[in-house]
Amino acid sequence: TSTPHHHKMVEIPANQPVPTVNLVVHPDRDQGWNLEIQAKHFTFAPNKLDGKGITTEGHAHLYVNGKKLTRLYGPWYYLSELPPGQHTVTVTLNTNGHEELMHNGKPIQASQVISVPTP
């Protein structure tokens, strides 16, 4: 599934390792989910936000059902609640210049589906 993109895209140069991202959803003990963003060849660099777009560092964007929820400046995020049903949670990697990272013309992203039962 693709995410509606509102940012410029930037292709990873051929001379650098390609960043990857994996999204792991951990159910929280009490309520909600702890999202773990596992990025390789990419460094979260919130101190450089709005700076030059470098393809090896930046931040992530978190989408739920295609709607941007927030920016992520580190590898963990607590998602407190979702209504009953199926929800696609997607994380994209972005430079601090706000370009979305791409490889071979495809966004560097990871998605997981969270199923919330009806109470």
N, C-alpha and C. Protein backbone atom coordinates (compact mmCIF):
# COMPACT_ATOMS: atom_id res chain seq x y z
N THR A 1 0.84 -1.19 0.00
CA THR A 1 0.00 0.00 0.00
C THR A 1 0.88 1.24 0.00
N SER A 2 0.44 2.26 -0.66
CA SER A 2 1.23 3.48 -0.70
C SER A 2 0.57 4.54 0.17
N THR A 3 1.37 5.48 0.57
CA THR A 3 0.92 6.56 1.43
C THR A 3 0.80 7.81 0.58
N PRO A 4 -0.23 8.64 0.78
CA PRO A 4 -0.27 9.90 0.04
C PRO A 4 0.90 10.77 0.47
N HIS A 5 1.70 11.17 -0.49
CA HIS A 5 2.91 11.91 -0.18
C HIS A 5 2.69 13.39 -0.37
N HIS A 6 3.07 14.15 0.64
CA HIS A 6 2.95 15.60 0.57
C HIS A 6 4.33 16.24 0.61
N HIS A 7 5.37 15.42 0.51
CA HIS A 7 6.73 15.93 0.60
C HIS A 7 7.48 15.58 -0.68
N LYS A 8 8.55 16.32 -0.93
CA LYS A 8 9.43 15.98 -2.04
C LYS A 8 10.07 14.64 -1.75
N MET A 9 10.45 13.95 -2.82
CA MET A 9 11.08 12.65 -2.68
C MET A 9 12.55 12.79 -3.08
N VAL A 10 13.41 12.00 -2.48
CA VAL A 10 14.83 12.01 -2.84
C VAL A 10 15.30 10.56 -2.93
N GLU A 11 15.96 10.25 -4.03
CA GLU A 11 16.48 8.91 -4.29
C GLU A 11 17.82 8.73 -3.57
N ILE A 12 18.03 7.55 -2.99
CA ILE A 12 19.29 7.24 -2.32
C ILE A 12 20.39 7.15 -3.39
N PRO A 13 21.50 7.88 -3.22
CA PRO A 13 22.59 7.79 -4.20
C PRO A 13 23.18 6.38 -4.28
N ALA A 14 23.66 6.03 -5.46
CA ALA A 14 24.19 4.68 -5.69
C ALA A 14 25.42 4.39 -4.84
N ASN A 15 26.13 5.42 -4.38
CA ASN A 15 27.40 5.21 -3.67
C ASN A 15 27.23 5.09 -2.15
N GLN A 16 26.01 4.91 -1.66
CA GLN A 16 25.84 4.79 -0.20
C GLN A 16 24.94 3.60 0.13
N PRO A 17 25.11 3.03 1.32
CA PRO A 17 24.21 1.95 1.73
C PRO A 17 22.77 2.46 1.79
N VAL A 18 21.84 1.62 1.38
CA VAL A 18 20.43 2.03 1.34
C VAL A 18 19.82 1.90 2.73
N PRO A 19 19.27 3.01 3.26
CA PRO A 19 18.58 2.91 4.54
C PRO A 19 17.37 1.97 4.43
N THR A 20 17.11 1.26 5.52
CA THR A 20 15.93 0.41 5.59
C THR A 20 15.19 0.72 6.89
N VAL A 21 13.92 0.39 6.91
CA VAL A 21 13.13 0.58 8.13
C VAL A 21 12.22 -0.62 8.33
N ASN A 22 12.08 -1.01 9.59
CA ASN A 22 11.18 -2.09 9.97
C ASN A 22 10.33 -1.56 11.12
N LEU A 23 9.06 -1.88 11.12
CA LEU A 23 8.14 -1.44 12.16
C LEU A 23 7.69 -2.66 12.96
N VAL A 24 7.94 -2.64 14.27
CA VAL A 24 7.50 -3.72 15.16
C VAL A 24 6.47 -3.13 16.12
N VAL A 25 5.31 -3.77 16.18
CA VAL A 25 4.22 -3.32 17.05
C VAL A 25 4.20 -4.21 18.30
N HIS A 26 4.43 -3.58 19.47
CA HIS A 26 4.38 -4.29 20.74
C HIS A 26 3.12 -3.85 21.49
N PRO A 27 2.17 -4.75 21.74
CA PRO A 27 1.00 -4.35 22.54
C PRO A 27 1.47 -3.87 23.91
N ASP A 28 0.94 -2.72 24.34
CA ASP A 28 1.28 -2.20 25.66
C ASP A 28 0.58 -3.04 26.73
N ARG A 29 1.19 -3.16 27.87
CA ARG A 29 0.65 -3.97 28.97
C ARG A 29 -0.73 -3.47 29.41
N ASP A 30 -0.92 -2.15 29.43
CA ASP A 30 -2.17 -1.58 29.92
C ASP A 30 -3.12 -1.21 28.80
N GLN A 31 -2.65 -0.45 27.83
CA GLN A 31 -3.51 0.03 26.74
C GLN A 31 -2.62 0.52 25.61
N GLY A 32 -3.09 0.35 24.38
CA GLY A 32 -2.36 0.89 23.24
C GLY A 32 -1.21 0.00 22.78
N TRP A 33 -0.27 0.62 22.05
CA TRP A 33 0.82 -0.11 21.43
C TRP A 33 2.09 0.72 21.52
N ASN A 34 3.20 0.03 21.69
CA ASN A 34 4.51 0.64 21.63
C ASN A 34 5.10 0.30 20.27
N LEU A 35 5.33 1.32 19.47
CA LEU A 35 5.85 1.12 18.12
C LEU A 35 7.37 1.24 18.16
N GLU A 36 8.04 0.23 17.64
CA GLU A 36 9.50 0.23 17.57
C GLU A 36 9.92 0.40 16.11
N ILE A 37 10.65 1.47 15.84
CA ILE A 37 11.11 1.76 14.48
C ILE A 37 12.57 1.34 14.39
N GLN A 38 12.82 0.28 13.65
CA GLN A 38 14.18 -0.25 13.49
C GLN A 38 14.73 0.25 12.16
N ALA A 39 15.65 1.21 12.23
CA ALA A 39 16.23 1.78 11.01
C ALA A 39 17.70 1.36 10.90
N LYS A 40 18.10 1.01 9.69
CA LYS A 40 19.50 0.69 9.41
C LYS A 40 20.02 1.69 8.38
N HIS A 41 21.29 2.03 8.51
CA HIS A 41 21.94 3.00 7.61
C HIS A 41 21.22 4.34 7.64
N PHE A 42 20.64 4.67 8.81
CA PHE A 42 19.88 5.91 8.98
C PHE A 42 19.96 6.29 10.45
N THR A 43 20.20 7.58 10.71
CA THR A 43 20.32 8.08 12.08
C THR A 43 19.26 9.14 12.33
N PHE A 44 18.54 8.99 13.43
CA PHE A 44 17.61 10.05 13.83
C PHE A 44 18.45 11.25 14.29
N ALA A 45 18.16 12.42 13.72
CA ALA A 45 18.95 13.62 14.02
C ALA A 45 18.03 14.83 14.23
N PRO A 46 17.21 14.82 15.30
CA PRO A 46 16.26 15.91 15.51
C PRO A 46 16.93 17.26 15.72
N ASN A 47 18.18 17.25 16.18
CA ASN A 47 18.90 18.50 16.40
C ASN A 47 19.23 19.22 15.08
N LYS A 48 19.07 18.54 13.96
CA LYS A 48 19.38 19.13 12.65
C LYS A 48 18.11 19.36 11.83
N LEU A 49 16.93 19.33 12.47
CA LEU A 49 15.66 19.51 11.76
C LEU A 49 15.66 20.81 10.98
N ASP A 50 15.08 20.78 9.79
CA ASP A 50 15.00 21.90 8.86
C ASP A 50 16.34 22.27 8.25
N GLY A 51 17.33 21.41 8.47
CA GLY A 51 18.64 21.64 7.88
C GLY A 51 18.70 21.03 6.49
N LYS A 52 19.92 20.93 5.98
CA LYS A 52 20.14 20.35 4.66
C LYS A 52 19.68 18.89 4.68
N GLY A 53 19.01 18.46 3.61
CA GLY A 53 18.54 17.09 3.51
C GLY A 53 19.68 16.14 3.22
N ILE A 54 20.04 15.32 4.18
CA ILE A 54 21.10 14.31 4.02
C ILE A 54 20.41 12.95 4.04
N THR A 55 20.75 12.09 3.09
CA THR A 55 20.01 10.84 2.91
C THR A 55 20.36 9.75 3.93
N THR A 56 21.22 10.04 4.89
CA THR A 56 21.57 9.06 5.92
C THR A 56 21.05 9.45 7.30
N GLU A 57 20.35 10.59 7.39
CA GLU A 57 19.86 11.02 8.69
C GLU A 57 18.60 11.85 8.54
N GLY A 58 17.84 11.97 9.63
CA GLY A 58 16.63 12.76 9.59
C GLY A 58 15.64 12.33 10.64
N HIS A 59 14.39 12.15 10.22
CA HIS A 59 13.31 11.75 11.12
C HIS A 59 12.35 10.85 10.34
N ALA A 60 11.37 10.33 11.03
CA ALA A 60 10.37 9.48 10.38
C ALA A 60 9.01 10.16 10.47
N HIS A 61 8.10 9.74 9.60
CA HIS A 61 6.71 10.18 9.67
C HIS A 61 5.87 8.96 9.99
N LEU A 62 4.87 9.15 10.85
CA LEU A 62 3.97 8.08 11.24
C LEU A 62 2.60 8.35 10.66
N TYR A 63 2.07 7.38 9.91
CA TYR A 63 0.75 7.46 9.30
C TYR A 63 -0.13 6.36 9.86
N VAL A 64 -1.40 6.66 10.09
CA VAL A 64 -2.38 5.65 10.45
C VAL A 64 -3.48 5.74 9.40
N ASN A 65 -3.68 4.62 8.67
CA ASN A 65 -4.66 4.56 7.58
C ASN A 65 -4.45 5.68 6.55
N GLY A 66 -3.17 5.95 6.24
CA GLY A 66 -2.84 6.93 5.21
C GLY A 66 -2.84 8.38 5.67
N LYS A 67 -3.22 8.64 6.92
CA LYS A 67 -3.25 10.01 7.44
C LYS A 67 -2.04 10.22 8.35
N LYS A 68 -1.28 11.30 8.06
CA LYS A 68 -0.10 11.57 8.88
C LYS A 68 -0.52 11.94 10.29
N LEU A 69 0.07 11.21 11.25
CA LEU A 69 -0.23 11.43 12.65
C LEU A 69 0.79 12.36 13.30
N THR A 70 2.09 12.10 13.04
CA THR A 70 3.13 12.89 13.69
C THR A 70 4.49 12.62 13.04
N ARG A 71 5.48 13.40 13.46
CA ARG A 71 6.89 13.12 13.14
C ARG A 71 7.45 12.29 14.29
N LEU A 72 8.44 11.46 13.97
CA LEU A 72 9.13 10.66 14.98
C LEU A 72 10.60 11.05 14.96
N TYR A 73 11.13 11.37 16.13
CA TYR A 73 12.53 11.79 16.25
C TYR A 73 13.40 10.74 16.90
N GLY A 74 12.85 9.54 17.09
CA GLY A 74 13.59 8.46 17.71
C GLY A 74 12.92 7.14 17.40
N PRO A 75 13.47 6.05 17.91
CA PRO A 75 12.99 4.72 17.50
C PRO A 75 11.75 4.20 18.21
N TRP A 76 11.18 4.94 19.18
CA TRP A 76 10.01 4.44 19.88
C TRP A 76 8.90 5.48 19.88
N TYR A 77 7.65 4.99 19.81
CA TYR A 77 6.48 5.87 19.89
C TYR A 77 5.34 5.10 20.54
N TYR A 78 4.65 5.76 21.46
CA TYR A 78 3.50 5.15 22.11
C TYR A 78 2.23 5.60 21.41
N LEU A 79 1.49 4.65 20.86
CA LEU A 79 0.22 4.90 20.20
C LEU A 79 -0.86 4.49 21.20
N SER A 80 -1.58 5.49 21.74
CA SER A 80 -2.44 5.23 22.89
C SER A 80 -3.71 4.46 22.56
N GLU A 81 -4.39 4.82 21.47
CA GLU A 81 -5.64 4.12 21.19
C GLU A 81 -6.03 4.24 19.73
N LEU A 82 -6.80 3.28 19.30
CA LEU A 82 -7.38 3.26 17.95
C LEU A 82 -8.80 2.72 18.09
N PRO A 83 -9.72 3.17 17.25
CA PRO A 83 -11.08 2.63 17.31
C PRO A 83 -11.10 1.17 16.82
N PRO A 84 -12.15 0.43 17.14
CA PRO A 84 -12.25 -0.96 16.67
C PRO A 84 -12.12 -1.04 15.14
N GLY A 85 -11.47 -2.10 14.67
CA GLY A 85 -11.30 -2.33 13.23
C GLY A 85 -9.85 -2.58 12.88
N GLN A 86 -9.58 -2.60 11.56
CA GLN A 86 -8.24 -2.83 11.03
C GLN A 86 -7.59 -1.48 10.75
N HIS A 87 -6.36 -1.29 11.19
CA HIS A 87 -5.66 -0.02 11.00
C HIS A 87 -4.26 -0.29 10.45
N THR A 88 -3.93 0.34 9.34
CA THR A 88 -2.60 0.21 8.76
C THR A 88 -1.73 1.34 9.29
N VAL A 89 -0.67 0.96 9.99
CA VAL A 89 0.28 1.90 10.56
C VAL A 89 1.53 1.86 9.68
N THR A 90 1.95 3.03 9.18
CA THR A 90 3.08 3.12 8.26
C THR A 90 4.09 4.13 8.78
N VAL A 91 5.37 3.79 8.64
CA VAL A 91 6.45 4.69 8.99
C VAL A 91 7.28 4.92 7.73
N THR A 92 7.59 6.20 7.43
CA THR A 92 8.47 6.55 6.31
C THR A 92 9.71 7.23 6.86
N LEU A 93 10.85 7.07 6.17
CA LEU A 93 12.08 7.77 6.54
C LEU A 93 12.18 9.05 5.73
N ASN A 94 12.58 10.13 6.39
CA ASN A 94 12.64 11.46 5.77
C ASN A 94 13.91 12.18 6.18
N THR A 95 14.45 12.99 5.27
CA THR A 95 15.60 13.81 5.62
C THR A 95 15.14 14.96 6.50
N ASN A 96 16.09 15.64 7.11
CA ASN A 96 15.73 16.81 7.91
C ASN A 96 15.34 18.00 7.04
N GLY A 97 15.54 17.87 5.73
CA GLY A 97 15.02 18.87 4.79
C GLY A 97 13.60 18.52 4.36
N HIS A 98 13.04 17.48 4.98
CA HIS A 98 11.66 17.01 4.79
C HIS A 98 11.41 16.28 3.47
N GLU A 99 12.48 15.82 2.80
CA GLU A 99 12.29 14.96 1.63
C GLU A 99 12.10 13.53 2.11
N GLU A 100 11.17 12.83 1.45
CA GLU A 100 10.95 11.42 1.77
C GLU A 100 11.98 10.58 1.02
N LEU A 101 12.63 9.65 1.72
CA LEU A 101 13.66 8.83 1.11
C LEU A 101 13.04 7.76 0.21
N MET A 102 13.71 7.55 -0.94
CA MET A 102 13.26 6.54 -1.91
C MET A 102 14.44 5.69 -2.34
N HIS A 103 14.13 4.47 -2.76
CA HIS A 103 15.13 3.59 -3.37
C HIS A 103 14.45 2.89 -4.54
N ASN A 104 15.08 2.96 -5.71
CA ASN A 104 14.52 2.38 -6.94
C ASN A 104 13.10 2.91 -7.19
N GLY A 105 12.88 4.18 -6.89
CA GLY A 105 11.60 4.81 -7.17
C GLY A 105 10.49 4.51 -6.18
N LYS A 106 10.81 3.78 -5.10
CA LYS A 106 9.78 3.43 -4.11
C LYS A 106 10.15 4.04 -2.76
N PRO A 107 9.14 4.53 -2.01
CA PRO A 107 9.44 5.10 -0.69
C PRO A 107 10.02 4.05 0.25
N ILE A 108 10.95 4.50 1.10
CA ILE A 108 11.51 3.62 2.13
C ILE A 108 10.56 3.71 3.32
N GLN A 109 9.79 2.66 3.50
CA GLN A 109 8.74 2.66 4.51
C GLN A 109 8.47 1.25 4.99
N ALA A 110 7.76 1.16 6.11
CA ALA A 110 7.33 -0.12 6.65
C ALA A 110 5.92 0.05 7.18
N SER A 111 5.11 -1.00 7.03
CA SER A 111 3.71 -0.96 7.49
C SER A 111 3.37 -2.22 8.27
N GLN A 112 2.47 -2.05 9.22
CA GLN A 112 1.90 -3.16 9.97
C GLN A 112 0.40 -2.89 10.13
N VAL A 113 -0.38 -3.95 10.21
CA VAL A 113 -1.82 -3.81 10.44
C VAL A 113 -2.09 -4.15 11.90
N ILE A 114 -2.80 -3.25 12.57
CA ILE A 114 -3.24 -3.47 13.94
C ILE A 114 -4.73 -3.76 13.91
N SER A 115 -5.12 -4.90 14.47
CA SER A 115 -6.55 -5.24 14.56
C SER A 115 -7.04 -4.93 15.95
N VAL A 116 -8.04 -4.06 16.02
CA VAL A 116 -8.61 -3.68 17.31
C VAL A 116 -9.98 -4.34 17.43
N PRO A 117 -10.16 -5.22 18.41
CA PRO A 117 -11.45 -5.89 18.54
C PRO A 117 -12.54 -4.94 19.04
N THR A 118 -13.76 -5.26 18.69
CA THR A 118 -14.90 -4.52 19.22
C THR A 118 -15.07 -4.91 20.68
N PRO A 119 -15.19 -3.92 21.58
CA PRO A 119 -15.29 -4.26 23.01
C PRO A 119 -16.55 -5.03 23.32
